Amino acid sequence: MRKTLHLCGLIFMLASGLAYSEAEFDFEELMESIDTNSHNLQGNIATKDAPATIALAKEMQGQFKLVEGYFAKRGNANDAVIDAKKYEDLAADIVKFVEASDFDSASNKAIEISTACDTACHDTYKPL
């Protein structure tokens, strides 16, 4: 019984931590980070730095997943949810292209992310 109580307490603490971290989510800071990462990603691709490009593209996948969740939770922004998923997929494509040493295709996907981000959500949802 005591072990069960400790386990329940641990689960409660972990769940509370997740809820707290979500409450502390800074959307504007995330958007600035995505913008910076988008530029850095293009630079990494241009210099054919595969490890840095892959790491940054994977980080951006996670960032776009957060954006997707943010707009899904917000409601009335289904287009933003769809766009965020699209960008997440584009970042995954970049990883695949770089792993195949196809930096030209990776560059095209990175440019597509930058261009689409600027003309999609920013026009509709900025400032939030």
C-alpha atoms as a PDB file:
ATOM      1  CA  MET A   1       0.000   0.000   0.000  1.00  0.00           C
ATOM      2  CA  ARG A   2       2.796   2.375   0.922  1.00  0.00           C
ATOM      3  CA  LYS A   3       4.518   1.764  -2.429  1.00  0.00           C
ATOM      4  CA  THR A   4       1.249   2.505  -4.218  1.00  0.00           C
ATOM      5  CA  LEU A   5       0.891   5.794  -2.359  1.00  0.00           C
ATOM      6  CA  HIS A   6       4.468   6.761  -3.194  1.00  0.00           C
ATOM      7  CA  LEU A   7       3.919   5.865  -6.840  1.00  0.00           C
ATOM      8  CA  CYS A   8       0.704   7.917  -6.966  1.00  0.00           C
ATOM      9  CA  GLY A   9       2.492  10.821  -5.329  1.00  0.00           C
ATOM     10  CA  LEU A  10       5.304  10.614  -7.851  1.00  0.00           C
ATOM     11  CA  ILE A  11       2.856  10.528 -10.763  1.00  0.00           C
ATOM     12  CA  PHE A  12       1.018  13.528  -9.320  1.00  0.00           C
ATOM     13  CA  MET A  13       4.270  15.477  -8.976  1.00  0.00           C
ATOM     14  CA  LEU A  14       5.278  14.691 -12.550  1.00  0.00           C
ATOM     15  CA  ALA A  15       1.853  15.625 -13.891  1.00  0.00           C
ATOM     16  CA  SER A  16       1.920  18.867 -11.905  1.00  0.00           C
ATOM     17  CA  GLY A  17       5.327  19.678 -13.334  1.00  0.00           C
ATOM     18  CA  LEU A  18       4.063  19.173 -16.868  1.00  0.00           C
ATOM     19  CA  ALA A  19       1.067  21.402 -16.236  1.00  0.00           C
ATOM     20  CA  TYR A  20       3.326  24.052 -14.691  1.00  0.00           C
ATOM     21  CA  SER A  21       5.763  23.957 -17.606  1.00  0.00           C
ATOM     22  CA  GLU A  22       2.867  24.365 -20.044  1.00  0.00           C
ATOM     23  CA  ALA A  23       1.608  27.341 -18.053  1.00  0.00           C
ATOM     24  CA  GLU A  24       5.082  28.860 -18.306  1.00  0.00           C
ATOM     25  CA  PHE A  25       5.157  28.476 -22.081  1.00  0.00           C
ATOM     26  CA  ASP A  26       6.310  31.723 -23.749  1.00  0.00           C
ATOM     27  CA  PHE A  27       4.927  31.712 -27.280  1.00  0.00           C
ATOM     28  CA  GLU A  28       6.635  34.923 -28.425  1.00  0.00           C
ATOM     29  CA  GLU A  29      10.003  33.628 -27.249  1.00  0.00           C
ATOM     30  CA  LEU A  30       9.404  30.425 -29.176  1.00  0.00           C
ATOM     31  CA  MET A  31       8.555  32.369 -32.338  1.00  0.00           C
ATOM     32  CA  GLU A  32      11.769  34.385 -32.031  1.00  0.00           C
ATOM     33  CA  SER A  33      13.728  31.162 -31.569  1.00  0.00           C
ATOM     34  CA  ILE A  34      12.118  29.615 -34.657  1.00  0.00           C
ATOM     35  CA  ASP A  35      12.975  32.707 -36.687  1.00  0.00           C
ATOM     36  CA  THR A  36      16.601  32.608 -35.542  1.00  0.00           C
ATOM     37  CA  ASN A  37      16.814  28.849 -36.070  1.00  0.00           C
ATOM     38  CA  SER A  38      15.375  29.203 -39.565  1.00  0.00           C
ATOM     39  CA  HIS A  39      18.186  31.571 -40.546  1.00  0.00           C
ATOM     40  CA  ASN A  40      20.823  29.440 -38.833  1.00  0.00           C
ATOM     41  CA  LEU A  41      19.462  26.347 -40.538  1.00  0.00           C
ATOM     42  CA  GLN A  42      19.972  27.900 -43.948  1.00  0.00           C
ATOM     43  CA  GLY A  43      23.524  28.862 -42.980  1.00  0.00           C
ATOM     44  CA  ASN A  44      24.271  25.316 -41.801  1.00  0.00           C
ATOM     45  CA  ILE A  45      22.948  23.918 -45.066  1.00  0.00           C
ATOM     46  CA  ALA A  46      24.984  26.405 -47.109  1.00  0.00           C
ATOM     47  CA  THR A  47      28.187  25.303 -45.365  1.00  0.00           C
ATOM     48  CA  LYS A  48      27.113  21.645 -45.645  1.00  0.00           C
ATOM     49  CA  ASP A  49      27.448  21.134 -41.898  1.00  0.00           C
ATOM     50  CA  ALA A  50      25.392  17.947 -41.719  1.00  0.00           C
ATOM     51  CA  PRO A  51      25.526  17.343 -37.942  1.00  0.00           C
ATOM     52  CA  ALA A  52      24.539  20.931 -37.096  1.00  0.00           C
ATOM     53  CA  THR A  53      21.825  20.970 -39.765  1.00  0.00           C
ATOM     54  CA  ILE A  54      20.305  17.716 -38.575  1.00  0.00           C
ATOM     55  CA  ALA A  55      20.374  18.779 -34.924  1.00  0.00           C
ATOM     56  CA  LEU A  56      18.767  22.132 -35.690  1.00  0.00           C
ATOM     57  CA  ALA A  57      16.131  20.648 -38.005  1.00  0.00           C
ATOM     58  CA  LYS A  58      15.172  18.152 -35.284  1.00  0.00           C
ATOM     59  CA  GLU A  59      14.984  20.980 -32.748  1.00  0.00           C
ATOM     60  CA  MET A  60      12.722  22.881 -35.117  1.00  0.00           C
ATOM     61  CA  GLN A  61      10.488  19.818 -35.485  1.00  0.00           C
ATOM     62  CA  GLY A  62       9.926  19.982 -31.739  1.00  0.00           C
ATOM     63  CA  GLN A  63       9.337  23.713 -31.867  1.00  0.00           C
ATOM     64  CA  PHE A  64       6.718  23.365 -34.596  1.00  0.00           C
ATOM     65  CA  LYS A  65       5.065  20.605 -32.552  1.00  0.00           C
ATOM     66  CA  LEU A  66       4.728  23.137 -29.711  1.00  0.00           C
ATOM     67  CA  VAL A  67       3.255  25.689 -32.119  1.00  0.00           C
ATOM     68  CA  GLU A  68       0.801  23.082 -33.372  1.00  0.00           C
ATOM     69  CA  GLY A  69      -0.281  22.325 -29.804  1.00  0.00           C
ATOM     70  CA  TYR A  70      -0.549  25.999 -28.942  1.00  0.00           C
ATOM     71  CA  PHE A  71      -2.935  26.746 -31.801  1.00  0.00           C
ATOM     72  CA  ALA A  72      -4.890  23.512 -31.316  1.00  0.00           C
ATOM     73  CA  LYS A  73      -5.483  24.448 -27.688  1.00  0.00           C
ATOM     74  CA  ARG A  74      -6.285  28.041 -28.576  1.00  0.00           C
ATOM     75  CA  GLY A  75      -9.048  26.998 -30.966  1.00  0.00           C
ATOM     76  CA  ASN A  76     -10.399  28.854 -34.007  1.00  0.00           C
ATOM     77  CA  ALA A  77      -7.003  28.475 -35.718  1.00  0.00           C
ATOM     78  CA  ASN A  78      -7.193  25.183 -37.589  1.00  0.00           C
ATOM     79  CA  ASP A  79      -5.190  26.674 -40.466  1.00  0.00           C
ATOM     80  CA  ALA A  80      -2.341  27.449 -38.059  1.00  0.00           C
ATOM     81  CA  VAL A  81      -2.449  23.885 -36.730  1.00  0.00           C
ATOM     82  CA  ILE A  82      -2.243  22.536 -40.283  1.00  0.00           C
ATOM     83  CA  ASP A  83       0.580  24.944 -41.174  1.00  0.00           C
ATOM     84  CA  ALA A  84       2.598  24.031 -38.063  1.00  0.00           C
ATOM     85  CA  LYS A  85       2.295  20.343 -38.941  1.00  0.00           C
ATOM     86  CA  LYS A  86       3.425  21.161 -42.490  1.00  0.00           C
ATOM     87  CA  TYR A  87       6.533  22.946 -41.162  1.00  0.00           C
ATOM     88  CA  GLU A  88       7.231  20.061 -38.811  1.00  0.00           C
ATOM     89  CA  ASP A  89       7.130  17.721 -41.826  1.00  0.00           C
ATOM     90  CA  LEU A  90       9.383  20.058 -43.836  1.00  0.00           C
ATOM     91  CA  ALA A  91      11.941  19.989 -41.012  1.00  0.00           C
ATOM     92  CA  ALA A  92      11.779  16.178 -41.054  1.00  0.00           C
ATOM     93  CA  ASP A  93      12.340  16.281 -44.823  1.00  0.00           C
ATOM     94  CA  ILE A  94      15.435  18.414 -44.271  1.00  0.00           C
ATOM     95  CA  VAL A  95      16.854  15.756 -41.953  1.00  0.00           C
ATOM     96  CA  LYS A  96      16.230  13.055 -44.581  1.00  0.00           C
ATOM     97  CA  PHE A  97      17.788  15.106 -47.387  1.00  0.00           C
ATOM     98  CA  VAL A  98      20.884  15.981 -45.363  1.00  0.00           C
ATOM     99  CA  GLU A  99      21.308  12.364 -44.287  1.00  0.00           C
ATOM    100  CA  ALA A 100      21.316  11.561 -48.024  1.00  0.00           C
ATOM    101  CA  SER A 101      23.797  14.422 -48.661  1.00  0.00           C
ATOM    102  CA  ASP A 102      21.215  16.229 -50.806  1.00  0.00           C
ATOM    103  CA  PHE A 103      21.899  19.751 -49.566  1.00  0.00           C
ATOM    104  CA  ASP A 104      20.171  21.405 -52.530  1.00  0.00           C
ATOM    105  CA  SER A 105      16.826  19.791 -51.688  1.00  0.00           C
ATOM    106  CA  ALA A 106      17.379  20.505 -47.995  1.00  0.00           C
ATOM    107  CA  SER A 107      18.002  24.156 -48.858  1.00  0.00           C
ATOM    108  CA  ASN A 108      14.770  24.320 -50.853  1.00  0.00           C
ATOM    109  CA  LYS A 109      12.820  22.923 -47.877  1.00  0.00           C
ATOM    110  CA  ALA A 110      14.490  25.390 -45.485  1.00  0.00           C
ATOM    111  CA  ILE A 111      13.584  28.286 -47.775  1.00  0.00           C
ATOM    112  CA  GLU A 112      10.043  26.935 -47.982  1.00  0.00           C
ATOM    113  CA  ILE A 113       9.794  26.987 -44.172  1.00  0.00           C
ATOM    114  CA  SER A 114      11.028  30.586 -43.977  1.00  0.00           C
ATOM    115  CA  THR A 115       8.810  31.847 -46.754  1.00  0.00           C
ATOM    116  CA  ALA A 116       5.702  29.984 -45.632  1.00  0.00           C
ATOM    117  CA  CYS A 117       6.093  31.003 -42.000  1.00  0.00           C
ATOM    118  CA  ASP A 118       6.319  34.661 -42.903  1.00  0.00           C
ATOM    119  CA  THR A 119       3.268  34.611 -45.162  1.00  0.00           C
ATOM    120  CA  ALA A 120       0.984  32.245 -43.262  1.00  0.00           C
ATOM    121  CA  CYS A 121       0.538  32.627 -39.517  1.00  0.00           C
ATOM    122  CA  HIS A 122       2.329  35.949 -39.278  1.00  0.00           C
ATOM    123  CA  ASP A 123      -0.145  37.640 -41.574  1.00  0.00           C
ATOM    124  CA  THR A 124      -3.146  36.198 -39.750  1.00  0.00           C
ATOM    125  CA  TYR A 125      -2.048  35.809 -36.123  1.00  0.00           C
ATOM    126  CA  LYS A 126       0.647  38.396 -35.416  1.00  0.00           C
ATOM    127  CA  PRO A 127       0.498  40.166 -33.112  1.00  0.00           C
ATOM    128  CA  LEU A 128      -1.164  37.508 -31.001  1.00  0.00           C
END
